């Protein structure tokens, strides 16, 4: 069954919302992730847990469904951008209520929210690059109602003069399209398990992303350690090889020692899994 007919058969907005939610859960459960919450523990976080991440993901399902419903076969214009912004902020409030005020998925609401909306705008059709391009059109449009507040991520982009989540979306998610998605599929072709393929995709993002979560917590030292460590994992043959596993364990130790957590990379991994699921909806989890 083609994706379009499957989405229509299962109720387009509902299917997209479930898919986005499941990708957040898949990202959270993936282990071992350096410095991040996973099935082993809380990583570099004291206020997060896997149970909290999963609760947060489920709280966002209605938001993703509303985004898909409001965006279905609509063109990219300021009116839609404002609607998406409003729904995203409402979703953030729902997330905060579900987590007791802990920011679990603010960045993911932005990335996945745009991608869910973009798929819906295309009527459930389109391939990953088309979806990313439409999401970029949305991200470039103004939202006058957006609060003029500097988040930790925005402060990091200004302090270190690096692109952040906004620029990643406006550029059609280059770390997803040029790095993570090709690596995910290459690792599968090379015989890696789904877990190893997803870990390799995360490493591919981390090799070059200016992760503002890491910058906020550990500065340039943390960012350089993240990028070099991820590159070492892939250079050693990826997470499926013994050398790659050793390099991944060393990267995890380094991230924990620096109190660094690559949350921006995690958000983009969830976006990668979503686009992969859209193109290959029957992939095994």
C-alpha atoms as a PDB file:
ATOM      1  CA  UNK A   1       0.000   0.000   0.000  1.00  0.00           C
ATOM      2  CA  UNK A   2       1.365   3.415  -0.924  1.00  0.00           C
ATOM      3  CA  UNK A   3       1.921   5.893   1.891  1.00  0.00           C
ATOM      4  CA  UNK A   4      -0.797   8.267   0.672  1.00  0.00           C
ATOM      5  CA  UNK A   5      -3.452   5.556   0.621  1.00  0.00           C
ATOM      6  CA  UNK A   6      -2.281   4.244   3.984  1.00  0.00           C
ATOM      7  CA  UNK A   7      -2.455   7.678   5.615  1.00  0.00           C
ATOM      8  CA  UNK A   8      -5.899   8.299   4.144  1.00  0.00           C
ATOM      9  CA  UNK A   9      -7.115   4.847   5.142  1.00  0.00           C
ATOM     10  CA  UNK A  10      -5.972   5.291   8.738  1.00  0.00           C
ATOM     11  CA  UNK A  11      -7.116   8.902   9.044  1.00  0.00           C
ATOM     12  CA  UNK A  12      -4.340  11.187   7.868  1.00  0.00           C
ATOM     13  CA  UNK A  13      -3.924  13.459  10.861  1.00  0.00           C
ATOM     14  CA  UNK A  14      -4.255  10.643  13.365  1.00  0.00           C
ATOM     15  CA  UNK A  15      -1.667   8.491  11.564  1.00  0.00           C
ATOM     16  CA  UNK A  16       0.838  11.345  11.392  1.00  0.00           C
ATOM     17  CA  UNK A  17       0.336  12.178  15.080  1.00  0.00           C
ATOM     18  CA  UNK A  18       0.914   8.571  16.112  1.00  0.00           C
ATOM     19  CA  UNK A  19       3.989   8.342  13.891  1.00  0.00           C
ATOM     20  CA  UNK A  20       5.530  11.515  15.322  1.00  0.00           C
ATOM     21  CA  UNK A  21       4.839  10.398  18.881  1.00  0.00           C
ATOM     22  CA  UNK A  22       6.357   6.973  18.266  1.00  0.00           C
ATOM     23  CA  UNK A  23       9.498   8.549  16.813  1.00  0.00           C
ATOM     24  CA  UNK A  24       9.958  10.584  19.997  1.00  0.00           C
ATOM     25  CA  UNK A  25       9.602   7.402  22.042  1.00  0.00           C
ATOM     26  CA  UNK A  26      11.965   5.474  19.766  1.00  0.00           C
ATOM     27  CA  UNK A  27      14.580   8.215  20.144  1.00  0.00           C
ATOM     28  CA  UNK A  28      14.204   8.279  23.921  1.00  0.00           C
ATOM     29  CA  UNK A  29      14.527   4.494  24.276  1.00  0.00           C
ATOM     30  CA  UNK A  30      17.520   4.177  21.932  1.00  0.00           C
ATOM     31  CA  UNK A  31      20.598   3.080  23.890  1.00  0.00           C
ATOM     32  CA  UNK A  32      23.422   3.739  24.570  1.00  0.00           C
ATOM     33  CA  UNK A  33      23.246   7.463  23.743  1.00  0.00           C
ATOM     34  CA  UNK A  34      26.108   9.640  25.033  1.00  0.00           C
ATOM     35  CA  UNK A  35      24.967  12.081  27.705  1.00  0.00           C
ATOM     36  CA  UNK A  36      21.300  11.584  26.881  1.00  0.00           C
ATOM     37  CA  UNK A  37      18.359   9.930  28.611  1.00  0.00           C
ATOM     38  CA  UNK A  38      17.957   6.359  27.387  1.00  0.00           C
ATOM     39  CA  UNK A  39      16.918   2.953  28.689  1.00  0.00           C
ATOM     40  CA  UNK A  40      20.059   2.818  30.864  1.00  0.00           C
ATOM     41  CA  UNK A  41      19.415   5.983  32.841  1.00  0.00           C
ATOM     42  CA  UNK A  42      19.196   9.770  32.883  1.00  0.00           C
ATOM     43  CA  UNK A  43      22.486  10.628  31.179  1.00  0.00           C
ATOM     44  CA  UNK A  44      23.732  14.088  32.130  1.00  0.00           C
ATOM     45  CA  UNK A  45      20.289  15.135  33.383  1.00  0.00           C
ATOM     46  CA  UNK A  46      19.057  15.313  36.961  1.00  0.00           C
ATOM     47  CA  UNK A  47      15.483  16.308  36.135  1.00  0.00           C
ATOM     48  CA  UNK A  48      14.755  13.853  33.311  1.00  0.00           C
ATOM     49  CA  UNK A  49      13.990  10.149  33.057  1.00  0.00           C
ATOM     50  CA  UNK A  50      12.853   7.763  30.354  1.00  0.00           C
ATOM     51  CA  UNK A  51       9.375   7.568  31.908  1.00  0.00           C
ATOM     52  CA  UNK A  52       9.138  11.362  31.842  1.00  0.00           C
ATOM     53  CA  UNK A  53      10.283  11.504  28.216  1.00  0.00           C
ATOM     54  CA  UNK A  54       7.649   8.958  27.215  1.00  0.00           C
ATOM     55  CA  UNK A  55       4.933  10.798  29.140  1.00  0.00           C
ATOM     56  CA  UNK A  56       5.976  13.989  27.384  1.00  0.00           C
ATOM     57  CA  UNK A  57       5.834  12.305  23.968  1.00  0.00           C
ATOM     58  CA  UNK A  58       2.310  11.030  24.564  1.00  0.00           C
ATOM     59  CA  UNK A  59       1.187  14.472  25.732  1.00  0.00           C
ATOM     60  CA  UNK A  60       2.138  15.860  22.313  1.00  0.00           C
ATOM     61  CA  UNK A  61      -0.012  13.482  20.243  1.00  0.00           C
ATOM     62  CA  UNK A  62      -3.028  15.853  20.220  1.00  0.00           C
ATOM     63  CA  UNK A  63      -0.769  18.720  19.147  1.00  0.00           C
ATOM     64  CA  UNK A  64       0.655  16.759  16.223  1.00  0.00           C
ATOM     65  CA  UNK A  65      -2.858  15.730  15.192  1.00  0.00           C
ATOM     66  CA  UNK A  66      -4.113  19.310  15.323  1.00  0.00           C
ATOM     67  CA  UNK A  67      -1.122  20.490  13.278  1.00  0.00           C
ATOM     68  CA  UNK A  68      -1.842  17.883  10.615  1.00  0.00           C
ATOM     69  CA  UNK A  69      -5.554  18.701  10.533  1.00  0.00           C
ATOM     70  CA  UNK A  70      -4.977  22.433  10.190  1.00  0.00           C
ATOM     71  CA  UNK A  71      -2.271  21.989   7.541  1.00  0.00           C
ATOM     72  CA  UNK A  72      -3.919  19.387   5.308  1.00  0.00           C
ATOM     73  CA  UNK A  73      -3.427  20.403   1.658  1.00  0.00           C
ATOM     74  CA  UNK A  74      -2.926  24.073   2.552  1.00  0.00           C
ATOM     75  CA  UNK A  75      -0.273  26.335   1.005  1.00  0.00           C
ATOM     76  CA  UNK A  76       2.529  27.880   3.015  1.00  0.00           C
ATOM     77  CA  UNK A  77       1.416  31.352   4.030  1.00  0.00           C
ATOM     78  CA  UNK A  78       1.557  33.623   7.054  1.00  0.00           C
ATOM     79  CA  UNK A  79      -1.904  32.574   8.221  1.00  0.00           C
ATOM     80  CA  UNK A  80      -0.891  28.925   8.378  1.00  0.00           C
ATOM     81  CA  UNK A  81       2.431  29.827   9.987  1.00  0.00           C
ATOM     82  CA  UNK A  82       0.574  31.703  12.726  1.00  0.00           C
ATOM     83  CA  UNK A  83      -1.764  28.769  13.280  1.00  0.00           C
ATOM     84  CA  UNK A  84       1.162  26.375  13.534  1.00  0.00           C
ATOM     85  CA  UNK A  85       2.918  28.686  15.971  1.00  0.00           C
ATOM     86  CA  UNK A  86      -0.164  28.939  18.166  1.00  0.00           C
ATOM     87  CA  UNK A  87      -0.695  25.173  18.191  1.00  0.00           C
ATOM     88  CA  UNK A  88       2.967  24.609  18.952  1.00  0.00           C
ATOM     89  CA  UNK A  89       2.859  26.931  21.952  1.00  0.00           C
ATOM     90  CA  UNK A  90      -0.310  25.225  23.197  1.00  0.00           C
ATOM     91  CA  UNK A  91       1.462  21.893  22.820  1.00  0.00           C
ATOM     92  CA  UNK A  92       4.399  23.206  24.812  1.00  0.00           C
ATOM     93  CA  UNK A  93       2.061  24.152  27.634  1.00  0.00           C
ATOM     94  CA  UNK A  94       0.515  20.664  27.544  1.00  0.00           C
ATOM     95  CA  UNK A  95       4.000  19.158  27.636  1.00  0.00           C
ATOM     96  CA  UNK A  96       4.995  21.296  30.624  1.00  0.00           C
ATOM     97  CA  UNK A  97       1.818  20.307  32.450  1.00  0.00           C
ATOM     98  CA  UNK A  98       2.548  16.621  31.808  1.00  0.00           C
ATOM     99  CA  UNK A  99       6.158  16.896  33.006  1.00  0.00           C
ATOM    100  CA  UNK A 100       5.680  19.165  35.988  1.00  0.00           C
ATOM    101  CA  UNK A 101       7.402  22.067  34.276  1.00  0.00           C
ATOM    102  CA  UNK A 102      10.395  20.193  32.862  1.00  0.00           C
ATOM    103  CA  UNK A 103      11.401  21.032  29.280  1.00  0.00           C
ATOM    104  CA  UNK A 104      11.576  17.621  27.664  1.00  0.00           C
ATOM    105  CA  UNK A 105      10.671  18.224  24.013  1.00  0.00           C
ATOM    106  CA  UNK A 106      10.550  21.939  23.208  1.00  0.00           C
ATOM    107  CA  UNK A 107      13.018  21.563  20.346  1.00  0.00           C
ATOM    108  CA  UNK A 108      11.255  18.475  19.061  1.00  0.00           C
ATOM    109  CA  UNK A 109       7.919  20.313  18.961  1.00  0.00           C
ATOM    110  CA  UNK A 110       9.531  22.797  16.564  1.00  0.00           C
ATOM    111  CA  UNK A 111      11.211  20.243  14.297  1.00  0.00           C
ATOM    112  CA  UNK A 112       8.560  17.532  14.249  1.00  0.00           C
ATOM    113  CA  UNK A 113       5.731  20.049  14.264  1.00  0.00           C
ATOM    114  CA  UNK A 114       7.033  21.599  11.067  1.00  0.00           C
ATOM    115  CA  UNK A 115       7.565  18.209   9.425  1.00  0.00           C
ATOM    116  CA  UNK A 116       4.132  16.878  10.404  1.00  0.00           C
ATOM    117  CA  UNK A 117       2.592  20.062   9.007  1.00  0.00           C
ATOM    118  CA  UNK A 118       4.621  19.744   5.813  1.00  0.00           C
ATOM    119  CA  UNK A 119       3.500  16.158   5.172  1.00  0.00           C
ATOM    120  CA  UNK A 120      -0.100  17.247   5.697  1.00  0.00           C
ATOM    121  CA  UNK A 121       0.347  20.228   3.361  1.00  0.00           C
ATOM    122  CA  UNK A 122       1.454  17.746   0.703  1.00  0.00           C
ATOM    123  CA  UNK A 123      -1.680  15.682   1.330  1.00  0.00           C
ATOM    124  CA  UNK A 124       0.312  12.752   2.696  1.00  0.00           C
ATOM    125  CA  UNK A 125       2.377  12.493  -0.489  1.00  0.00           C
ATOM    126  CA  UNK A 126       5.945  13.573  -1.177  1.00  0.00           C
ATOM    127  CA  UNK A 127       9.376  12.242  -0.336  1.00  0.00           C
ATOM    128  CA  UNK A 128      11.695  13.292   2.462  1.00  0.00           C
ATOM    129  CA  UNK A 129      13.408  16.143   0.601  1.00  0.00           C
ATOM    130  CA  UNK A 130      10.092  17.589  -0.565  1.00  0.00           C
ATOM    131  CA  UNK A 131       8.785  17.454   2.991  1.00  0.00           C
ATOM    132  CA  UNK A 132      11.914  19.135   4.344  1.00  0.00           C
ATOM    133  CA  UNK A 133      11.662  21.844   1.680  1.00  0.00           C
ATOM    134  CA  UNK A 134       8.039  22.611   2.538  1.00  0.00           C
ATOM    135  CA  UNK A 135       8.915  22.689   6.241  1.00  0.00           C
ATOM    136  CA  UNK A 136      11.653  25.202   5.398  1.00  0.00           C
ATOM    137  CA  UNK A 137       9.131  27.416   3.603  1.00  0.00           C
ATOM    138  CA  UNK A 138       7.035  27.471   6.771  1.00  0.00           C
ATOM    139  CA  UNK A 139      10.018  28.104   9.036  1.00  0.00           C
ATOM    140  CA  UNK A 140      11.011  31.162   6.994  1.00  0.00           C
ATOM    141  CA  UNK A 141       7.611  32.817   7.414  1.00  0.00           C
ATOM    142  CA  UNK A 142       7.079  35.301  10.258  1.00  0.00           C
ATOM    143  CA  UNK A 143       4.961  34.569  13.305  1.00  0.00           C
ATOM    144  CA  UNK A 144       4.189  37.951  14.890  1.00  0.00           C
ATOM    145  CA  UNK A 145       2.600  36.276  17.909  1.00  0.00           C
ATOM    146  CA  UNK A 146       5.774  34.393  18.861  1.00  0.00           C
ATOM    147  CA  UNK A 147       7.001  35.496  22.293  1.00  0.00           C
ATOM    148  CA  UNK A 148      10.098  37.680  22.235  1.00  0.00           C
ATOM    149  CA  UNK A 149      11.932  35.570  24.790  1.00  0.00           C
ATOM    150  CA  UNK A 150      15.523  34.357  24.606  1.00  0.00           C
ATOM    151  CA  UNK A 151      15.680  30.638  25.312  1.00  0.00           C
ATOM    152  CA  UNK A 152      18.904  28.928  26.366  1.00  0.00           C
ATOM    153  CA  UNK A 153      19.320  27.794  22.783  1.00  0.00           C
ATOM    154  CA  UNK A 154      18.919  31.282  21.364  1.00  0.00           C
ATOM    155  CA  UNK A 155      21.355  32.682  23.903  1.00  0.00           C
ATOM    156  CA  UNK A 156      23.877  30.054  22.823  1.00  0.00           C
ATOM    157  CA  UNK A 157      23.454  30.865  19.127  1.00  0.00           C
ATOM    158  CA  UNK A 158      24.130  34.536  19.851  1.00  0.00           C
ATOM    159  CA  UNK A 159      26.998  33.972  22.254  1.00  0.00           C
ATOM    160  CA  UNK A 160      28.863  31.515  20.045  1.00  0.00           C
ATOM    161  CA  UNK A 161      27.595  32.885  16.725  1.00  0.00           C
ATOM    162  CA  UNK A 162      26.393  29.518  15.448  1.00  0.00           C
ATOM    163  CA  UNK A 163      23.171  28.438  13.724  1.00  0.00           C
ATOM    164  CA  UNK A 164      20.451  26.914  15.885  1.00  0.00           C
ATOM    165  CA  UNK A 165      17.179  25.042  15.526  1.00  0.00           C
ATOM    166  CA  UNK A 166      15.530  27.897  13.628  1.00  0.00           C
ATOM    167  CA  UNK A 167      18.272  27.987  10.988  1.00  0.00           C
ATOM    168  CA  UNK A 168      18.329  24.183  10.713  1.00  0.00           C
ATOM    169  CA  UNK A 169      14.641  24.207   9.787  1.00  0.00           C
ATOM    170  CA  UNK A 170      14.950  27.205   7.474  1.00  0.00           C
ATOM    171  CA  UNK A 171      17.722  25.398   5.586  1.00  0.00           C
ATOM    172  CA  UNK A 172      15.508  22.295   5.109  1.00  0.00           C
ATOM    173  CA  UNK A 173      17.138  20.230   7.871  1.00  0.00           C
ATOM    174  CA  UNK A 174      20.583  19.648   6.319  1.00  0.00           C
ATOM    175  CA  UNK A 175      21.815  17.506   9.230  1.00  0.00           C
ATOM    176  CA  UNK A 176      18.868  15.188   8.695  1.00  0.00           C
ATOM    177  CA  UNK A 177      18.912  15.111   4.914  1.00  0.00           C
ATOM    178  CA  UNK A 178      22.671  15.111   4.233  1.00  0.00           C
ATOM    179  CA  UNK A 179      23.971  13.244   7.249  1.00  0.00           C
ATOM    180  CA  UNK A 180      21.526  11.284   9.397  1.00  0.00           C
ATOM    181  CA  UNK A 181      19.099   9.816   6.865  1.00  0.00           C
ATOM    182  CA  UNK A 182      21.837   8.607   4.468  1.00  0.00           C
ATOM    183  CA  UNK A 183      23.815   7.139   7.403  1.00  0.00           C
ATOM    184  CA  UNK A 184      20.738   5.398   8.811  1.00  0.00           C
ATOM    185  CA  UNK A 185      20.103   3.658   5.521  1.00  0.00           C
ATOM    186  CA  UNK A 186      23.772   2.928   4.824  1.00  0.00           C
ATOM    187  CA  UNK A 187      24.172   1.214   8.184  1.00  0.00           C
ATOM    188  CA  UNK A 188      21.100  -0.909   7.455  1.00  0.00           C
ATOM    189  CA  UNK A 189      22.489  -1.860   4.047  1.00  0.00           C
ATOM    190  CA  UNK A 190      25.758  -2.852   5.699  1.00  0.00           C
ATOM    191  CA  UNK A 191      23.893  -5.326   7.882  1.00  0.00           C
ATOM    192  CA  UNK A 192      23.665  -3.331  11.088  1.00  0.00           C
ATOM    193  CA  UNK A 193      20.746  -3.823  13.433  1.00  0.00           C
ATOM    194  CA  UNK A 194      18.102  -1.132  13.645  1.00  0.00           C
ATOM    195  CA  UNK A 195      19.567   0.005  16.963  1.00  0.00           C
ATOM    196  CA  UNK A 196      23.044   0.338  15.492  1.00  0.00           C
ATOM    197  CA  UNK A 197      21.705   2.101  12.392  1.00  0.00           C
ATOM    198  CA  UNK A 198      19.923   4.655  14.565  1.00  0.00           C
ATOM    199  CA  UNK A 199      22.953   5.180  16.774  1.00  0.00           C
ATOM    200  CA  UNK A 200      25.085   5.734  13.680  1.00  0.00           C
ATOM    201  CA  UNK A 201      22.535   8.272  12.415  1.00  0.00           C
ATOM    202  CA  UNK A 202      22.819  10.101  15.735  1.00  0.00           C
ATOM    203  CA  UNK A 203      26.609  10.090  15.432  1.00  0.00           C
ATOM    204  CA  UNK A 204      26.347  11.484  11.897  1.00  0.00           C
ATOM    205  CA  UNK A 205      24.351  14.439  13.246  1.00  0.00           C
ATOM    206  CA  UNK A 206      26.747  14.974  16.147  1.00  0.00           C
ATOM    207  CA  UNK A 207      29.859  15.132  13.948  1.00  0.00           C
ATOM    208  CA  UNK A 208      28.996  18.623  12.702  1.00  0.00           C
ATOM    209  CA  UNK A 209      25.928  20.008  14.514  1.00  0.00           C
ATOM    210  CA  UNK A 210      26.434  23.155  16.584  1.00  0.00           C
ATOM    211  CA  UNK A 211      24.291  21.655  19.332  1.00  0.00           C
ATOM    212  CA  UNK A 212      23.084  24.568  21.447  1.00  0.00           C
ATOM    213  CA  UNK A 213      22.143  22.210  24.288  1.00  0.00           C
ATOM    214  CA  UNK A 214      25.784  21.152  24.554  1.00  0.00           C
ATOM    215  CA  UNK A 215      27.007  24.724  24.147  1.00  0.00           C
ATOM    216  CA  UNK A 216      24.672  25.902  26.918  1.00  0.00           C
ATOM    217  CA  UNK A 217      25.908  23.266  29.345  1.00  0.00           C
ATOM    218  CA  UNK A 218      29.562  22.767  28.394  1.00  0.00           C
ATOM    219  CA  UNK A 219      30.624  25.529  26.022  1.00  0.00           C
ATOM    220  CA  UNK A 220      32.974  25.040  23.099  1.00  0.00           C
ATOM    221  CA  UNK A 221      34.914  22.340  24.948  1.00  0.00           C
ATOM    222  CA  UNK A 222      31.780  20.241  25.114  1.00  0.00           C
ATOM    223  CA  UNK A 223      30.885  20.867  21.483  1.00  0.00           C
ATOM    224  CA  UNK A 224      34.360  19.931  20.272  1.00  0.00           C
ATOM    225  CA  UNK A 225      34.333  16.779  22.413  1.00  0.00           C
ATOM    226  CA  UNK A 226      30.938  15.797  21.009  1.00  0.00           C
ATOM    227  CA  UNK A 227      31.909  16.326  17.387  1.00  0.00           C
ATOM    228  CA  UNK A 228      35.294  14.608  17.672  1.00  0.00           C
ATOM    229  CA  UNK A 229      33.875  11.709  19.662  1.00  0.00           C
ATOM    230  CA  UNK A 230      31.055  11.084  17.204  1.00  0.00           C
ATOM    231  CA  UNK A 231      33.502  11.208  14.316  1.00  0.00           C
ATOM    232  CA  UNK A 232      35.653   8.637  16.114  1.00  0.00           C
ATOM    233  CA  UNK A 233      32.690   6.251  16.411  1.00  0.00           C
ATOM    234  CA  UNK A 234      31.938   6.388  12.691  1.00  0.00           C
ATOM    235  CA  UNK A 235      35.616   6.254  11.713  1.00  0.00           C
ATOM    236  CA  UNK A 236      35.976   3.087  13.776  1.00  0.00           C
ATOM    237  CA  UNK A 237      33.266   1.361  11.755  1.00  0.00           C
ATOM    238  CA  UNK A 238      30.156   2.585  13.514  1.00  0.00           C
ATOM    239  CA  UNK A 239      28.378   1.432  16.642  1.00  0.00           C
ATOM    240  CA  UNK A 240      28.120  -2.173  15.434  1.00  0.00           C
ATOM    241  CA  UNK A 241      31.904  -2.714  15.468  1.00  0.00           C
ATOM    242  CA  UNK A 242      33.887  -3.446  18.642  1.00  0.00           C
ATOM    243  CA  UNK A 243      36.095  -0.412  18.015  1.00  0.00           C
ATOM    244  CA  UNK A 244      33.060   1.760  17.398  1.00  0.00           C
ATOM    245  CA  UNK A 245      31.423   0.532  20.604  1.00  0.00           C
ATOM    246  CA  UNK A 246      34.561   1.404  22.547  1.00  0.00           C
ATOM    247  CA  UNK A 247      34.625   4.877  20.985  1.00  0.00           C
ATOM    248  CA  UNK A 248      30.930   5.331  21.820  1.00  0.00           C
ATOM    249  CA  UNK A 249      31.538   4.353  25.438  1.00  0.00           C
ATOM    250  CA  UNK A 250      34.406   6.843  25.622  1.00  0.00           C
ATOM    251  CA  UNK A 251      32.200   9.569  24.154  1.00  0.00           C
ATOM    252  CA  UNK A 252      29.546   8.786  26.748  1.00  0.00           C
ATOM    253  CA  UNK A 253      32.102   9.091  29.554  1.00  0.00           C
ATOM    254  CA  UNK A 254      33.320  12.376  28.134  1.00  0.00           C
ATOM    255  CA  UNK A 255      29.841  13.849  27.831  1.00  0.00           C
ATOM    256  CA  UNK A 256      28.963  12.849  31.379  1.00  0.00           C
ATOM    257  CA  UNK A 257      32.210  14.311  32.721  1.00  0.00           C
ATOM    258  CA  UNK A 258      31.422  17.612  31.000  1.00  0.00           C
ATOM    259  CA  UNK A 259      27.739  17.502  32.036  1.00  0.00           C
ATOM    260  CA  UNK A 260      26.913  17.801  28.338  1.00  0.00           C
ATOM    261  CA  UNK A 261      23.787  16.445  26.702  1.00  0.00           C
ATOM    262  CA  UNK A 262      23.315  16.685  22.918  1.00  0.00           C
ATOM    263  CA  UNK A 263      19.598  17.383  23.071  1.00  0.00           C
ATOM    264  CA  UNK A 264      19.599  19.204  19.745  1.00  0.00           C
ATOM    265  CA  UNK A 265      21.028  16.132  18.034  1.00  0.00           C
ATOM    266  CA  UNK A 266      18.393  13.983  19.741  1.00  0.00           C
ATOM    267  CA  UNK A 267      15.611  16.210  18.376  1.00  0.00           C
ATOM    268  CA  UNK A 268      17.041  15.864  14.868  1.00  0.00           C
ATOM    269  CA  UNK A 269      17.302  12.098  15.264  1.00  0.00           C
ATOM    270  CA  UNK A 270      13.579  12.001  16.063  1.00  0.00           C
ATOM    271  CA  UNK A 271      12.993  14.085  12.924  1.00  0.00           C
ATOM    272  CA  UNK A 272      15.142  11.637  10.946  1.00  0.00           C
ATOM    273  CA  UNK A 273      13.151   8.669  12.211  1.00  0.00           C
ATOM    274  CA  UNK A 274       9.933  10.455  11.291  1.00  0.00           C
ATOM    275  CA  UNK A 275      10.980  11.137   7.701  1.00  0.00           C
ATOM    276  CA  UNK A 276      12.276   7.585   7.411  1.00  0.00           C
ATOM    277  CA  UNK A 277       8.942   6.258   8.685  1.00  0.00           C
ATOM    278  CA  UNK A 278       7.072   8.421   6.180  1.00  0.00           C
ATOM    279  CA  UNK A 279       9.069   6.970   3.295  1.00  0.00           C
ATOM    280  CA  UNK A 280       9.293   3.398   4.648  1.00  0.00           C
ATOM    281  CA  UNK A 281       6.308   3.052   7.018  1.00  0.00           C
ATOM    282  CA  UNK A 282       6.754  -0.677   7.538  1.00  0.00           C
ATOM    283  CA  UNK A 283      10.332  -0.535   8.821  1.00  0.00           C
ATOM    284  CA  UNK A 284      10.870  -2.724  11.860  1.00  0.00           C
ATOM    285  CA  UNK A 285      11.307  -0.974  15.191  1.00  0.00           C
END
